[in-house]
């Protein structure tokens, strides 16, 4: 009999898209599908995001096909030098830098410090060749959130050294326990010249399939991004832009309910992970991932987290992502963006399988 696979790695929320609660009319969809938009994207969407979300009216903004490409385009217009990337990182960051001709420089955050990012440590790694520091807050995979004081220090050093801070804020709305999402713009007007914000509707509004994101950045950079997009996709899909506008301007109740659900799942999943002998796990402050340290489970037969992840698939039919994909050996990433029944079953299987490794 075929064993059902329990998936705990998904990046897509299992909830209904908030934009789906106020659906686009058929006529609106047809009208959007039959027309280009400006390469920058819908003016209404740009202004809404700038005014309501970013508070950076003096910055330029454009809409792009998704958050991944936002970051790639931003780096492509900036970098043929070094880019500092804290670990653990989202898997695409180093590859995007390499595609743009840049050189990734990795800086480890301290697990004992909750994977917190420290400004002095980051800038100690910067050289005369450093052009960009990539920040991801909340973090995928660790769930760490950069605090206000640390972000202000980062902005201060970036201004002094004329280094861009490229912030992936894809999970900005998904923060817990009073944690605050802060960008370098909190440091004041001078930070605008060194700040690049990349965001998406994919996570906060469960709109992964719409492939719509944005960049807010200094005008010369946006001009270069727009030119590049104009010769590739022309503009972000118009239907997706209208859907994003509906999400941003519509009833936010479903989005708040989704956050509450994620918090409940996190609070249920974390103790279960920590009950596994030898496994430790930093409490995520945002996003919807746990990033446990499974080094104690490794042995001669399973010497790496990648081999452990493969063994879990074979042994208990649960899918996880090895920490090596995120630049940190000895870890696994688990997602709690799925139902509690699936999570409970997956954790039951993992716990039972891991008993044999510590017996």
Foldseek 3Di string as FASTA:
>chain_A
DDDDFQEFADQFFPDDFPLVVVDDDPVRLVVLQVDDDALQADPLLQVLCCVPPPVCVQWGKGKAQALLVLVLLLLLLWDLFEEEEEPLAQLCVQVSCVVSNYHYDYFYADVVVLSEDAQVSRCVSDDPRAAEYEAEACGVPALDHHADVRLLSNLVVCLVNVHAYEYECAFQVQFDDPGHHDHNCVNDDSSQQRYKYKYGCCRLRSPVVLRMIMIIHHPVSVVSSSVVCCVPVNHHRSSSSVSSSSSSPDDCVVSVVSSVVLVVLLVVQQVLQVVQPPKDWRRRRGRFKTKIQQCVLADPVRNWQVSVQVVLCVQQNYHWAASVSSVDIRIIMGGPSDDPVSSVSSSVSVSVVSVVSVD
